[in-house]
Amino acid sequence: MTGRLIAFFVAVVLAWASPVWAGPVEWVEVPATEAGQQWWDRGSVRADRTGLRTVLSRFTPAVEDGESQRRGSLYVMQIDCAQQLYRDKQVNGIPRFQADWQAAGSDDLIVSVIDAVCDVPLTS
C-alpha cells in the first residue's frame, strides 16, 4: 500500500510540475551521509525556459538513536549548473514561488545531486 501511495504522490507532483513529465520514475541514489539519503529521478531532468535544469528529487533524513523512521520529502529542484546553485521550486507538491538560490556548500547530498544532474545529457 505504501508503494502505491508513493507512486501516486510522485505522479501528482509530476503532473503539477509540468505536464510534459510523464513516464516511469528512475530513482538514482547519491552516496548517503550522516544527514540521510537523497535520490534524483533520471527521467525528470529537463532544461527549463531559462536554460537551467529541473529535476525531481527526494530526501529521507537519517534516523537518530531511539527514534522511528522520519518521513522524507519530494522536491522539484532548479539547478544552475554553471554557478553550482540550486533552489527548491516545489516541496512535497507545494510551489515555492519566491525560492532563493542557494550554494550547496558542504552539503554532500546536494553537491552529489547537482553534479549528477548537470552531467546527464539532455534529450530533446
PDB file of N, CA and C in Angstrom:
ATOM      1  N   MET A   1       0.825  -1.196   0.000  1.00  0.00           N
ATOM      2  CA  MET A   1       0.000   0.000   0.000  1.00  0.00           C
ATOM      3  C   MET A   1       0.867   1.257   0.000  1.00  0.00           C
ATOM      4  N   THR A   2       1.933   1.256   0.800  1.00  0.00           N
ATOM      5  CA  THR A   2       2.792   2.427   0.873  1.00  0.00           C
ATOM      6  C   THR A   2       3.439   2.711  -0.473  1.00  0.00           C
ATOM      7  N   GLY A   3       3.859   1.674  -1.193  1.00  0.00           N
ATOM      8  CA  GLY A   3       4.456   1.863  -2.511  1.00  0.00           C
ATOM      9  C   GLY A   3       3.490   2.505  -3.479  1.00  0.00           C
ATOM     10  N   ARG A   4       2.237   2.086  -3.427  1.00  0.00           N
ATOM     11  CA  ARG A   4       1.224   2.688  -4.294  1.00  0.00           C
ATOM     12  C   ARG A   4       0.981   4.148  -3.936  1.00  0.00           C
ATOM     13  N   LEU A   5       0.982   4.443  -2.651  1.00  0.00           N
ATOM     14  CA  LEU A   5       0.776   5.818  -2.196  1.00  0.00           C
ATOM     15  C   LEU A   5       1.923   6.712  -2.662  1.00  0.00           C
ATOM     16  N   ILE A   6       3.150   6.214  -2.545  1.00  0.00           N
ATOM     17  CA  ILE A   6       4.306   6.982  -3.010  1.00  0.00           C
ATOM     18  C   ILE A   6       4.232   7.188  -4.512  1.00  0.00           C
ATOM     19  N   ALA A   7       3.903   6.151  -5.261  1.00  0.00           N
ATOM     20  CA  ALA A   7       3.795   6.272  -6.718  1.00  0.00           C
ATOM     21  C   ALA A   7       2.709   7.282  -7.095  1.00  0.00           C
ATOM     22  N   PHE A   8       1.577   7.250  -6.386  1.00  0.00           N
ATOM     23  CA  PHE A   8       0.512   8.210  -6.649  1.00  0.00           C
ATOM     24  C   PHE A   8       0.980   9.625  -6.361  1.00  0.00           C
ATOM     25  N   PHE A   9       1.667   9.815  -5.221  1.00  0.00           N
ATOM     26  CA  PHE A   9       2.147  11.139  -4.844  1.00  0.00           C
ATOM     27  C   PHE A   9       3.148  11.661  -5.868  1.00  0.00           C
ATOM     28  N   VAL A  10       4.061  10.804  -6.309  1.00  0.00           N
ATOM     29  CA  VAL A  10       5.036  11.212  -7.327  1.00  0.00           C
ATOM     30  C   VAL A  10       4.315  11.613  -8.606  1.00  0.00           C
ATOM     31  N   ALA A  11       3.303  10.859  -8.999  1.00  0.00           N
ATOM     32  CA  ALA A  11       2.550  11.188 -10.210  1.00  0.00           C
ATOM     33  C   ALA A  11       1.868  12.548 -10.073  1.00  0.00           C
ATOM     34  N   VAL A  12       1.304  12.830  -8.895  1.00  0.00           N
ATOM     35  CA  VAL A  12       0.651  14.123  -8.668  1.00  0.00           C
ATOM     36  C   VAL A  12       1.675  15.252  -8.748  1.00  0.00           C
ATOM     37  N   VAL A  13       2.824  15.065  -8.127  1.00  0.00           N
ATOM     38  CA  VAL A  13       3.868  16.096  -8.164  1.00  0.00           C
ATOM     39  C   VAL A  13       4.325  16.327  -9.595  1.00  0.00           C
ATOM     40  N   LEU A  14       4.546  15.257 -10.336  1.00  0.00           N
ATOM     41  CA  LEU A  14       4.988  15.397 -11.718  1.00  0.00           C
ATOM     42  C   LEU A  14       3.933  16.094 -12.566  1.00  0.00           C
ATOM     43  N   ALA A  15       2.687  15.757 -12.366  1.00  0.00           N
ATOM     44  CA  ALA A  15       1.620  16.396 -13.140  1.00  0.00           C
ATOM     45  C   ALA A  15       1.532  17.884 -12.803  1.00  0.00           C
ATOM     46  N   TRP A  16       1.715  18.224 -11.538  1.00  0.00           N
ATOM     47  CA  TRP A  16       1.660  19.616 -11.119  1.00  0.00           C
ATOM     48  C   TRP A  16       2.872  20.383 -11.636  1.00  0.00           C
ATOM     49  N   ALA A  17       4.027  19.740 -11.624  1.00  0.00           N
ATOM     50  CA  ALA A  17       5.271  20.422 -12.007  1.00  0.00           C
ATOM     51  C   ALA A  17       5.305  20.755 -13.487  1.00  0.00           C
ATOM     52  N   SER A  18       4.860  19.840 -14.291  1.00  0.00           N
ATOM     53  CA  SER A  18       4.920  20.066 -15.731  1.00  0.00           C
ATOM     54  C   SER A  18       4.193  18.934 -16.434  1.00  0.00           C
ATOM     55  N   PRO A  19       3.269  19.260 -17.319  1.00  0.00           N
ATOM     56  CA  PRO A  19       2.528  18.206 -17.989  1.00  0.00           C
ATOM     57  C   PRO A  19       3.387  17.359 -18.926  1.00  0.00           C
ATOM     58  N   VAL A  20       4.598  17.795 -19.274  1.00  0.00           N
ATOM     59  CA  VAL A  20       5.446  17.008 -20.154  1.00  0.00           C
ATOM     60  C   VAL A  20       6.245  15.962 -19.400  1.00  0.00           C
ATOM     61  N   TRP A  21       6.233  15.991 -18.078  1.00  0.00           N
ATOM     62  CA  TRP A  21       6.953  14.989 -17.304  1.00  0.00           C
ATOM     63  C   TRP A  21       6.076  13.761 -17.164  1.00  0.00           C
ATOM     64  N   ALA A  22       6.244  12.844 -18.057  1.00  0.00           N
ATOM     65  CA  ALA A  22       5.467  11.613 -17.990  1.00  0.00           C
ATOM     66  C   ALA A  22       6.414  10.453 -18.192  1.00  0.00           C
ATOM     67  N   GLY A  23       6.072   9.339 -17.632  1.00  0.00           N
ATOM     68  CA  GLY A  23       6.896   8.157 -17.788  1.00  0.00           C
ATOM     69  C   GLY A  23       7.295   7.604 -16.441  1.00  0.00           C
ATOM     70  N   PRO A  24       8.010   6.504 -16.468  1.00  0.00           N
ATOM     71  CA  PRO A  24       8.395   5.858 -15.217  1.00  0.00           C
ATOM     72  C   PRO A  24       9.438   6.678 -14.460  1.00  0.00           C
ATOM     73  N   VAL A  25       9.411   6.545 -13.153  1.00  0.00           N
ATOM     74  CA  VAL A  25      10.376   7.214 -12.296  1.00  0.00           C
ATOM     75  C   VAL A  25      11.593   6.305 -12.171  1.00  0.00           C
ATOM     76  N   GLU A  26      12.777   6.857 -12.391  1.00  0.00           N
ATOM     77  CA  GLU A  26      14.020   6.100 -12.270  1.00  0.00           C
ATOM     78  C   GLU A  26      14.899   6.777 -11.220  1.00  0.00           C
ATOM     79  N   TRP A  27      14.682   6.377  -9.961  1.00  0.00           N
ATOM     80  CA  TRP A  27      15.429   6.989  -8.866  1.00  0.00           C
ATOM     81  C   TRP A  27      16.886   6.577  -8.916  1.00  0.00           C
ATOM     82  N   VAL A  28      17.771   7.556  -8.756  1.00  0.00           N
ATOM     83  CA  VAL A  28      19.213   7.321  -8.681  1.00  0.00           C
ATOM     84  C   VAL A  28      19.660   7.840  -7.318  1.00  0.00           C
ATOM     85  N   GLU A  29      20.199   6.962  -6.497  1.00  0.00           N
ATOM     86  CA  GLU A  29      20.624   7.366  -5.156  1.00  0.00           C
ATOM     87  C   GLU A  29      22.046   7.922  -5.212  1.00  0.00           C
ATOM     88  N   VAL A  30      22.265   9.008  -4.515  1.00  0.00           N
ATOM     89  CA  VAL A  30      23.618   9.535  -4.351  1.00  0.00           C
ATOM     90  C   VAL A  30      24.163   8.965  -3.041  1.00  0.00           C
ATOM     91  N   PRO A  31      25.482   9.001  -2.832  1.00  0.00           N
ATOM     92  CA  PRO A  31      26.027   8.435  -1.596  1.00  0.00           C
ATOM     93  C   PRO A  31      25.398   9.067  -0.353  1.00  0.00           C
ATOM     94  N   ALA A  32      24.926   8.209   0.545  1.00  0.00           N
ATOM     95  CA  ALA A  32      24.291   8.663   1.784  1.00  0.00           C
ATOM     96  C   ALA A  32      25.323   9.360   2.678  1.00  0.00           C
ATOM     97  N   THR A  33      24.829  10.246   3.523  1.00  0.00           N
ATOM     98  CA  THR A  33      25.671  10.933   4.506  1.00  0.00           C
ATOM     99  C   THR A  33      25.028  10.786   5.881  1.00  0.00           C
ATOM    100  N   GLU A  34      25.638  11.378   6.878  1.00  0.00           N
ATOM    101  CA  GLU A  34      25.058  11.355   8.221  1.00  0.00           C
ATOM    102  C   GLU A  34      23.711  12.063   8.257  1.00  0.00           C
ATOM    103  N   ALA A  35      23.459  12.966   7.295  1.00  0.00           N
ATOM    104  CA  ALA A  35      22.187  13.696   7.241  1.00  0.00           C
ATOM    105  C   ALA A  35      21.049  12.814   6.747  1.00  0.00           C
ATOM    106  N   GLY A  36      21.363  11.820   5.919  1.00  0.00           N
ATOM    107  CA  GLY A  36      20.324  10.941   5.397  1.00  0.00           C
ATOM    108  C   GLY A  36      20.642  10.446   3.997  1.00  0.00           C
ATOM    109  N   GLN A  37      19.568  10.193   3.247  1.00  0.00           N
ATOM    110  CA  GLN A  37      19.690   9.674   1.889  1.00  0.00           C
ATOM    111  C   GLN A  37      18.993  10.616   0.919  1.00  0.00           C
ATOM    112  N   GLN A  38      19.511  10.683  -0.302  1.00  0.00           N
ATOM    113  CA  GLN A  38      18.900  11.526  -1.328  1.00  0.00           C
ATOM    114  C   GLN A  38      18.949  10.794  -2.667  1.00  0.00           C
ATOM    115  N   TRP A  39      17.856  10.972  -3.429  1.00  0.00           N
ATOM    116  CA  TRP A  39      17.732  10.399  -4.759  1.00  0.00           C
ATOM    117  C   TRP A  39      17.303  11.488  -5.732  1.00  0.00           C
ATOM    118  N   TRP A  40      17.576  11.282  -7.009  1.00  0.00           N
ATOM    119  CA  TRP A  40      17.058  12.154  -8.058  1.00  0.00           C
ATOM    120  C   TRP A  40      16.499  11.250  -9.146  1.00  0.00           C
ATOM    121  N   ASP A  41      15.517  11.756  -9.873  1.00  0.00           N
ATOM    122  CA  ASP A  41      14.840  10.973 -10.904  1.00  0.00           C
ATOM    123  C   ASP A  41      15.457  11.272 -12.267  1.00  0.00           C
ATOM    124  N   ARG A  42      16.119  10.271 -12.841  1.00  0.00           N
ATOM    125  CA  ARG A  42      16.799  10.436 -14.123  1.00  0.00           C
ATOM    126  C   ARG A  42      15.830  10.873 -15.220  1.00  0.00           C
ATOM    127  N   GLY A  43      14.611  10.368 -15.200  1.00  0.00           N
ATOM    128  CA  GLY A  43      13.639  10.691 -16.236  1.00  0.00           C
ATOM    129  C   GLY A  43      13.040  12.077 -16.147  1.00  0.00           C
ATOM    130  N   SER A  44      13.288  12.781 -15.040  1.00  0.00           N
ATOM    131  CA  SER A  44      12.675  14.101 -14.865  1.00  0.00           C
ATOM    132  C   SER A  44      13.615  15.255 -15.198  1.00  0.00           C
ATOM    133  N   VAL A  45      14.864  14.972 -15.534  1.00  0.00           N
ATOM    134  CA  VAL A  45      15.826  16.041 -15.811  1.00  0.00           C
ATOM    135  C   VAL A  45      15.429  16.754 -17.101  1.00  0.00           C
ATOM    136  N   ARG A  46      15.233  18.056 -16.996  1.00  0.00           N
ATOM    137  CA  ARG A  46      14.821  18.876 -18.137  1.00  0.00           C
ATOM    138  C   ARG A  46      15.540  20.222 -18.094  1.00  0.00           C
ATOM    139  N   ALA A  47      15.644  20.840 -19.258  1.00  0.00           N
ATOM    140  CA  ALA A  47      16.078  22.229 -19.323  1.00  0.00           C
ATOM    141  C   ALA A  47      14.806  23.066 -19.324  1.00  0.00           C
ATOM    142  N   ASP A  48      14.749  24.072 -18.464  1.00  0.00           N
ATOM    143  CA  ASP A  48      13.557  24.919 -18.434  1.00  0.00           C
ATOM    144  C   ASP A  48      13.691  26.061 -19.440  1.00  0.00           C
ATOM    145  N   ARG A  49      12.740  26.955 -19.427  1.00  0.00           N
ATOM    146  CA  ARG A  49      12.729  28.064 -20.397  1.00  0.00           C
ATOM    147  C   ARG A  49      13.943  28.972 -20.298  1.00  0.00           C
ATOM    148  N   THR A  50      14.574  28.993 -19.139  1.00  0.00           N
ATOM    149  CA  THR A  50      15.731  29.868 -18.946  1.00  0.00           C
ATOM    150  C   THR A  50      17.053  29.148 -19.206  1.00  0.00           C
ATOM    151  N   GLY A  51      16.985  27.872 -19.581  1.00  0.00           N
ATOM    152  CA  GLY A  51      18.194  27.096 -19.846  1.00  0.00           C
ATOM    153  C   GLY A  51      18.759  26.414 -18.614  1.00  0.00           C
ATOM    154  N   LEU A  52      18.106  26.584 -17.477  1.00  0.00           N
ATOM    155  CA  LEU A  52      18.533  25.912 -16.257  1.00  0.00           C
ATOM    156  C   LEU A  52      17.885  24.530 -16.200  1.00  0.00           C
ATOM    157  N   ARG A  53      18.423  23.667 -15.376  1.00  0.00           N
ATOM    158  CA  ARG A  53      17.876  22.312 -15.284  1.00  0.00           C
ATOM    159  C   ARG A  53      16.906  22.192 -14.123  1.00  0.00           C
ATOM    160  N   THR A  54      15.913  21.339 -14.307  1.00  0.00           N
ATOM    161  CA  THR A  54      14.999  20.984 -13.224  1.00  0.00           C
ATOM    162  C   THR A  54      15.029  19.472 -13.069  1.00  0.00           C
ATOM    163  N   VAL A  55      14.767  19.026 -11.847  1.00  0.00           N
ATOM    164  CA  VAL A  55      14.793  17.601 -11.551  1.00  0.00           C
ATOM    165  C   VAL A  55      13.918  17.330 -10.330  1.00  0.00           C
ATOM    166  N   LEU A  56      13.291  16.168 -10.318  1.00  0.00           N
ATOM    167  CA  LEU A  56      12.555  15.701  -9.149  1.00  0.00           C
ATOM    168  C   LEU A  56      13.541  14.966  -8.256  1.00  0.00           C
ATOM    169  N   SER A  57      13.561  15.310  -6.976  1.00  0.00           N
ATOM    170  CA  SER A  57      14.435  14.609  -6.039  1.00  0.00           C
ATOM    171  C   SER A  57      13.659  14.287  -4.773  1.00  0.00           C
ATOM    172  N   ARG A  58      14.207  13.386  -4.009  1.00  0.00           N
ATOM    173  CA  ARG A  58      13.590  13.060  -2.718  1.00  0.00           C
ATOM    174  C   ARG A  58      14.689  12.904  -1.679  1.00  0.00           C
ATOM    175  N   PHE A  59      14.344  13.258  -0.459  1.00  0.00           N
ATOM    176  CA  PHE A  59      15.284  13.213   0.660  1.00  0.00           C
ATOM    177  C   PHE A  59      14.617  12.522   1.826  1.00  0.00           C
ATOM    178  N   THR A  60      15.361  11.619   2.464  1.00  0.00           N
ATOM    179  CA  THR A  60      14.912  10.969   3.681  1.00  0.00           C
ATOM    180  C   THR A  60      15.964  11.213   4.751  1.00  0.00           C
ATOM    181  N   PRO A  61      15.584  11.882   5.847  1.00  0.00           N
ATOM    182  CA  PRO A  61      16.570  12.161   6.901  1.00  0.00           C
ATOM    183  C   PRO A  61      17.032  10.886   7.590  1.00  0.00           C
ATOM    184  N   ALA A  62      18.246  10.930   8.105  1.00  0.00           N
ATOM    185  CA  ALA A  62      18.793   9.797   8.851  1.00  0.00           C
ATOM    186  C   ALA A  62      17.997   9.598  10.132  1.00  0.00           C
ATOM    187  N   VAL A  63      17.950   8.368  10.568  1.00  0.00           N
ATOM    188  CA  VAL A  63      17.261   8.039  11.811  1.00  0.00           C
ATOM    189  C   VAL A  63      18.233   8.217  12.971  1.00  0.00           C
ATOM    190  N   GLU A  64      17.821   9.000  13.940  1.00  0.00           N
ATOM    191  CA  GLU A  64      18.631   9.204  15.150  1.00  0.00           C
ATOM    192  C   GLU A  64      18.356   8.059  16.116  1.00  0.00           C
ATOM    193  N   ASP A  65      19.280   7.809  17.027  1.00  0.00           N
ATOM    194  CA  ASP A  65      19.096   6.741  18.011  1.00  0.00           C
ATOM    195  C   ASP A  65      17.797   6.938  18.787  1.00  0.00           C
ATOM    196  N   GLY A  66      17.015   5.879  18.885  1.00  0.00           N
ATOM    197  CA  GLY A  66      15.798   5.912  19.678  1.00  0.00           C
ATOM    198  C   GLY A  66      14.585   6.500  18.979  1.00  0.00           C
ATOM    199  N   GLU A  67      14.689   6.886  17.730  1.00  0.00           N
ATOM    200  CA  GLU A  67      13.519   7.436  17.040  1.00  0.00           C
ATOM    201  C   GLU A  67      13.142   6.543  15.863  1.00  0.00           C
ATOM    202  N   SER A  68      11.895   6.660  15.452  1.00  0.00           N
ATOM    203  CA  SER A  68      11.441   5.879  14.309  1.00  0.00           C
ATOM    204  C   SER A  68      11.787   6.617  13.017  1.00  0.00           C
ATOM    205  N   GLN A  69      11.680   5.890  11.905  1.00  0.00           N
ATOM    206  CA  GLN A  69      11.998   6.481  10.600  1.00  0.00           C
ATOM    207  C   GLN A  69      11.121   7.696  10.353  1.00  0.00           C
ATOM    208  N   ARG A  70      11.746   8.809   9.967  1.00  0.00           N
ATOM    209  CA  ARG A  70      11.005  10.029   9.667  1.00  0.00           C
ATOM    210  C   ARG A  70      10.603  10.031   8.200  1.00  0.00           C
ATOM    211  N   ARG A  71       9.555  10.774   7.903  1.00  0.00           N
ATOM    212  CA  ARG A  71       9.100  10.896   6.519  1.00  0.00           C
ATOM    213  C   ARG A  71      10.102  11.675   5.699  1.00  0.00           C
ATOM    214  N   GLY A  72      10.183  11.304   4.447  1.00  0.00           N
ATOM    215  CA  GLY A  72      11.021  12.040   3.524  1.00  0.00           C
ATOM    216  C   GLY A  72      10.221  13.141   2.849  1.00  0.00           C
ATOM    217  N   SER A  73      10.880  13.858   1.973  1.00  0.00           N
ATOM    218  CA  SER A  73      10.246  14.937   1.230  1.00  0.00           C
ATOM    219  C   SER A  73      10.609  14.841  -0.236  1.00  0.00           C
ATOM    220  N   LEU A  74       9.681  15.295  -1.084  1.00  0.00           N
ATOM    221  CA  LEU A  74       9.906  15.367  -2.522  1.00  0.00           C
ATOM    222  C   LEU A  74      10.130  16.824  -2.899  1.00  0.00           C
ATOM    223  N   TYR A  75      11.073  17.038  -3.802  1.00  0.00           N
ATOM    224  CA  TYR A  75      11.429  18.388  -4.235  1.00  0.00           C
ATOM    225  C   TYR A  75      11.480  18.441  -5.758  1.00  0.00           C
ATOM    226  N   VAL A  76      11.061  19.553  -6.312  1.00  0.00           N
ATOM    227  CA  VAL A  76      11.396  19.878  -7.691  1.00  0.00           C
ATOM    228  C   VAL A  76      12.463  20.944  -7.567  1.00  0.00           C
ATOM    229  N   MET A  77      13.691  20.559  -7.939  1.00  0.00           N
ATOM    230  CA  MET A  77      14.827  21.454  -7.810  1.00  0.00           C
ATOM    231  C   MET A  77      15.117  22.116  -9.149  1.00  0.00           C
ATOM    232  N   GLN A  78      15.497  23.365  -9.104  1.00  0.00           N
ATOM    233  CA  GLN A  78      16.017  24.064 -10.272  1.00  0.00           C
ATOM    234  C   GLN A  78      17.506  24.234 -10.012  1.00  0.00           C
ATOM    235  N   ILE A  79      18.324  23.895 -11.011  1.00  0.00           N
ATOM    236  CA  ILE A  79      19.769  23.888 -10.821  1.00  0.00           C
ATOM    237  C   ILE A  79      20.442  24.773 -11.863  1.00  0.00           C
ATOM    238  N   ASP A  80      21.322  25.628 -11.392  1.00  0.00           N
ATOM    239  CA  ASP A  80      22.174  26.438 -12.262  1.00  0.00           C
ATOM    240  C   ASP A  80      23.529  25.737 -12.288  1.00  0.00           C
ATOM    241  N   CYS A  81      23.764  24.925 -13.327  1.00  0.00           N
ATOM    242  CA  CYS A  81      24.987  24.126 -13.405  1.00  0.00           C
ATOM    243  C   CYS A  81      26.235  24.996 -13.492  1.00  0.00           C
ATOM    244  N   ALA A  82      26.169  26.112 -14.202  1.00  0.00           N
ATOM    245  CA  ALA A  82      27.339  26.970 -14.387  1.00  0.00           C
ATOM    246  C   ALA A  82      27.827  27.554 -13.064  1.00  0.00           C
ATOM    247  N   GLN A  83      26.891  27.882 -12.181  1.00  0.00           N
ATOM    248  CA  GLN A  83      27.259  28.508 -10.911  1.00  0.00           C
ATOM    249  C   GLN A  83      27.174  27.551  -9.723  1.00  0.00           C
ATOM    250  N   GLN A  84      26.739  26.307  -9.986  1.00  0.00           N
ATOM    251  CA  GLN A  84      26.587  25.302  -8.926  1.00  0.00           C
ATOM    252  C   GLN A  84      25.650  25.786  -7.824  1.00  0.00           C
ATOM    253  N   LEU A  85      24.490  26.345  -8.244  1.00  0.00           N
ATOM    254  CA  LEU A  85      23.463  26.811  -7.321  1.00  0.00           C
ATOM    255  C   LEU A  85      22.191  26.010  -7.534  1.00  0.00           C
ATOM    256  N   TYR A  86      21.325  26.007  -6.512  1.00  0.00           N
ATOM    257  CA  TYR A  86      20.039  25.330  -6.629  1.00  0.00           C
ATOM    258  C   TYR A  86      18.990  26.102  -5.840  1.00  0.00           C
ATOM    259  N   ARG A  87      17.737  25.814  -6.191  1.00  0.00           N
ATOM    260  CA  ARG A  87      16.616  26.285  -5.365  1.00  0.00           C
ATOM    261  C   ARG A  87      15.491  25.274  -5.511  1.00  0.00           C
ATOM    262  N   ASP A  88      14.712  25.158  -4.460  1.00  0.00           N
ATOM    263  CA  ASP A  88      13.593  24.221  -4.436  1.00  0.00           C
ATOM    264  C   ASP A  88      12.351  24.941  -4.937  1.00  0.00           C
ATOM    265  N   LYS A  89      11.914  24.587  -6.145  1.00  0.00           N
ATOM    266  CA  LYS A  89      10.736  25.205  -6.752  1.00  0.00           C
ATOM    267  C   LYS A  89       9.445  24.644  -6.170  1.00  0.00           C
ATOM    268  N   GLN A  90       9.496  23.398  -5.694  1.00  0.00           N
ATOM    269  CA  GLN A  90       8.354  22.778  -5.027  1.00  0.00           C
ATOM    270  C   GLN A  90       8.874  21.884  -3.917  1.00  0.00           C
ATOM    271  N   VAL A  91       8.113  21.831  -2.826  1.00  0.00           N
ATOM    272  CA  VAL A  91       8.414  20.920  -1.741  1.00  0.00           C
ATOM    273  C   VAL A  91       7.130  20.166  -1.424  1.00  0.00           C
ATOM    274  N   ASN A  92       7.176  18.852  -1.588  1.00  0.00           N
ATOM    275  CA  ASN A  92       6.009  17.996  -1.372  1.00  0.00           C
ATOM    276  C   ASN A  92       4.795  18.482  -2.161  1.00  0.00           C
ATOM    277  N   GLY A  93       5.037  18.921  -3.393  1.00  0.00           N
ATOM    278  CA  GLY A  93       3.961  19.337  -4.288  1.00  0.00           C
ATOM    279  C   GLY A  93       3.477  20.766  -4.103  1.00  0.00           C
ATOM    280  N   ILE A  94       4.035  21.476  -3.129  1.00  0.00           N
ATOM    281  CA  ILE A  94       3.618  22.851  -2.871  1.00  0.00           C
ATOM    282  C   ILE A  94       4.629  23.799  -3.512  1.00  0.00           C
ATOM    283  N   PRO A  95       4.174  24.632  -4.452  1.00  0.00           N
ATOM    284  CA  PRO A  95       5.097  25.552  -5.129  1.00  0.00           C
ATOM    285  C   PRO A  95       5.726  26.546  -4.156  1.00  0.00           C
ATOM    286  N   ARG A  96       6.966  26.886  -4.429  1.00  0.00           N
ATOM    287  CA  ARG A  96       7.690  27.922  -3.673  1.00  0.00           C
ATOM    288  C   ARG A  96       8.073  28.994  -4.684  1.00  0.00           C
ATOM    289  N   PHE A  97       7.203  29.972  -4.850  1.00  0.00           N
ATOM    290  CA  PHE A  97       7.369  30.978  -5.891  1.00  0.00           C
ATOM    291  C   PHE A  97       8.542  31.917  -5.638  1.00  0.00           C
ATOM    292  N   GLN A  98       8.896  32.169  -4.417  1.00  0.00           N
ATOM    293  CA  GLN A  98       9.969  33.101  -4.084  1.00  0.00           C
ATOM    294  C   GLN A  98      11.205  32.379  -3.543  1.00  0.00           C
ATOM    295  N   ALA A  99      11.463  31.174  -4.023  1.00  0.00           N
ATOM    296  CA  ALA A  99      12.596  30.397  -3.524  1.00  0.00           C
ATOM    297  C   ALA A  99      13.915  31.099  -3.847  1.00  0.00           C
ATOM    298  N   ASP A 100      14.787  31.166  -2.875  1.00  0.00           N
ATOM    299  CA  ASP A 100      16.091  31.802  -3.048  1.00  0.00           C
ATOM    300  C   ASP A 100      17.106  30.797  -3.570  1.00  0.00           C
ATOM    301  N   TRP A 101      18.049  31.289  -4.366  1.00  0.00           N
ATOM    302  CA  TRP A 101      19.160  30.471  -4.825  1.00  0.00           C
ATOM    303  C   TRP A 101      20.074  30.186  -3.646  1.00  0.00           C
ATOM    304  N   GLN A 102      20.605  28.957  -3.602  1.00  0.00           N
ATOM    305  CA  GLN A 102      21.497  28.558  -2.526  1.00  0.00           C
ATOM    306  C   GLN A 102      22.707  27.840  -3.109  1.00  0.00           C
ATOM    307  N   ALA A 103      23.830  28.008  -2.460  1.00  0.00           N
ATOM    308  CA  ALA A 103      25.010  27.220  -2.794  1.00  0.00           C
ATOM    309  C   ALA A 103      24.935  25.922  -1.999  1.00  0.00           C
ATOM    310  N   ALA A 104      25.411  24.849  -2.584  1.00  0.00           N
ATOM    311  CA  ALA A 104      25.381  23.557  -1.894  1.00  0.00           C
ATOM    312  C   ALA A 104      26.296  23.563  -0.680  1.00  0.00           C
ATOM    313  N   GLY A 105      27.340  24.375  -0.730  1.00  0.00           N
ATOM    314  CA  GLY A 105      28.264  24.456   0.406  1.00  0.00           C
ATOM    315  C   GLY A 105      28.855  23.109   0.736  1.00  0.00           C
ATOM    316  N   SER A 106      28.756  22.722   1.988  1.00  0.00           N
ATOM    317  CA  SER A 106      29.325  21.449   2.427  1.00  0.00           C
ATOM    318  C   SER A 106      28.278  20.342   2.504  1.00  0.00           C
ATOM    319  N   ASP A 107      27.105  20.548   1.912  1.00  0.00           N
ATOM    320  CA  ASP A 107      26.053  19.531   1.906  1.00  0.00           C
ATOM    321  C   ASP A 107      26.362  18.524   0.796  1.00  0.00           C
ATOM    322  N   ASP A 108      27.001  17.419   1.180  1.00  0.00           N
ATOM    323  CA  ASP A 108      27.438  16.431   0.196  1.00  0.00           C
ATOM    324  C   ASP A 108      26.292  15.822  -0.598  1.00  0.00           C
ATOM    325  N   LEU A 109      25.110  15.724  -0.011  1.00  0.00           N
ATOM    326  CA  LEU A 109      23.962  15.193  -0.748  1.00  0.00           C
ATOM    327  C   LEU A 109      23.596  16.117  -1.904  1.00  0.00           C
ATOM    328  N   ILE A 110      23.490  17.403  -1.628  1.00  0.00           N
ATOM    329  CA  ILE A 110      23.133  18.376  -2.665  1.00  0.00           C
ATOM    330  C   ILE A 110      24.243  18.474  -3.712  1.00  0.00           C
ATOM    331  N   VAL A 111      25.495  18.495  -3.270  1.00  0.00           N
ATOM    332  CA  VAL A 111      26.616  18.534  -4.214  1.00  0.00           C
ATOM    333  C   VAL A 111      26.538  17.347  -5.161  1.00  0.00           C
ATOM    334  N   SER A 112      26.270  16.164  -4.627  1.00  0.00           N
ATOM    335  CA  SER A 112      26.186  14.958  -5.463  1.00  0.00           C
ATOM    336  C   SER A 112      25.039  15.035  -6.455  1.00  0.00           C
ATOM    337  N   VAL A 113      23.887  15.551  -6.016  1.00  0.00           N
ATOM    338  CA  VAL A 113      22.741  15.690  -6.923  1.00  0.00           C
ATOM    339  C   VAL A 113      23.070  16.688  -8.030  1.00  0.00           C
ATOM    340  N   ILE A 114      23.609  17.837  -7.668  1.00  0.00           N
ATOM    341  CA  ILE A 114      23.953  18.856  -8.675  1.00  0.00           C
ATOM    342  C   ILE A 114      24.935  18.281  -9.689  1.00  0.00           C
ATOM    343  N   ASP A 115      25.991  17.639  -9.211  1.00  0.00           N
ATOM    344  CA  ASP A 115      26.997  17.070 -10.110  1.00  0.00           C
ATOM    345  C   ASP A 115      26.377  16.045 -11.052  1.00  0.00           C
ATOM    346  N   ALA A 116      25.562  15.147 -10.510  1.00  0.00           N
ATOM    347  CA  ALA A 116      24.959  14.098 -11.332  1.00  0.00           C
ATOM    348  C   ALA A 116      23.985  14.669 -12.356  1.00  0.00           C
ATOM    349  N   VAL A 117      23.117  15.563 -11.917  1.00  0.00           N
ATOM    350  CA  VAL A 117      22.101  16.140 -12.821  1.00  0.00           C
ATOM    351  C   VAL A 117      22.757  16.969 -13.910  1.00  0.00           C
ATOM    352  N   CYS A 118      23.810  17.689 -13.577  1.00  0.00           N
ATOM    353  CA  CYS A 118      24.480  18.519 -14.577  1.00  0.00           C
ATOM    354  C   CYS A 118      25.275  17.685 -15.585  1.00  0.00           C
ATOM    355  N   ASP A 119      25.614  16.448 -15.231  1.00  0.00           N
ATOM    356  CA  ASP A 119      26.335  15.556 -16.135  1.00  0.00           C
ATOM    357  C   ASP A 119      25.424  14.762 -17.073  1.00  0.00           C
ATOM    358  N   VAL A 120      24.125  14.742 -16.789  1.00  0.00           N
ATOM    359  CA  VAL A 120      23.192  13.961 -17.601  1.00  0.00           C
ATOM    360  C   VAL A 120      22.958  14.656 -18.948  1.00  0.00           C
ATOM    361  N   PRO A 121      23.127  13.928 -20.046  1.00  0.00           N
ATOM    362  CA  PRO A 121      22.810  14.533 -21.356  1.00  0.00           C
ATOM    363  C   PRO A 121      21.308  14.787 -21.450  1.00  0.00           C
ATOM    364  N   LEU A 122      20.938  15.947 -21.956  1.00  0.00           N
ATOM    365  CA  LEU A 122      19.522  16.279 -22.099  1.00  0.00           C
ATOM    366  C   LEU A 122      18.991  15.668 -23.391  1.00  0.00           C
ATOM    367  N   THR A 123      17.777  15.145 -23.313  1.00  0.00           N
ATOM    368  CA  THR A 123      17.117  14.649 -24.512  1.00  0.00           C
ATOM    369  C   THR A 123      16.250  15.743 -25.081  1.00  0.00           C
ATOM    370  N   SER A 124      16.047  15.724 -26.369  1.00  0.00           N
ATOM    371  CA  SER A 124      15.233  16.795 -26.977  1.00  0.00           C
ATOM    372  C   SER A 124      13.802  16.391 -27.138  1.00  0.00           C
TER     373      SER A 124
END
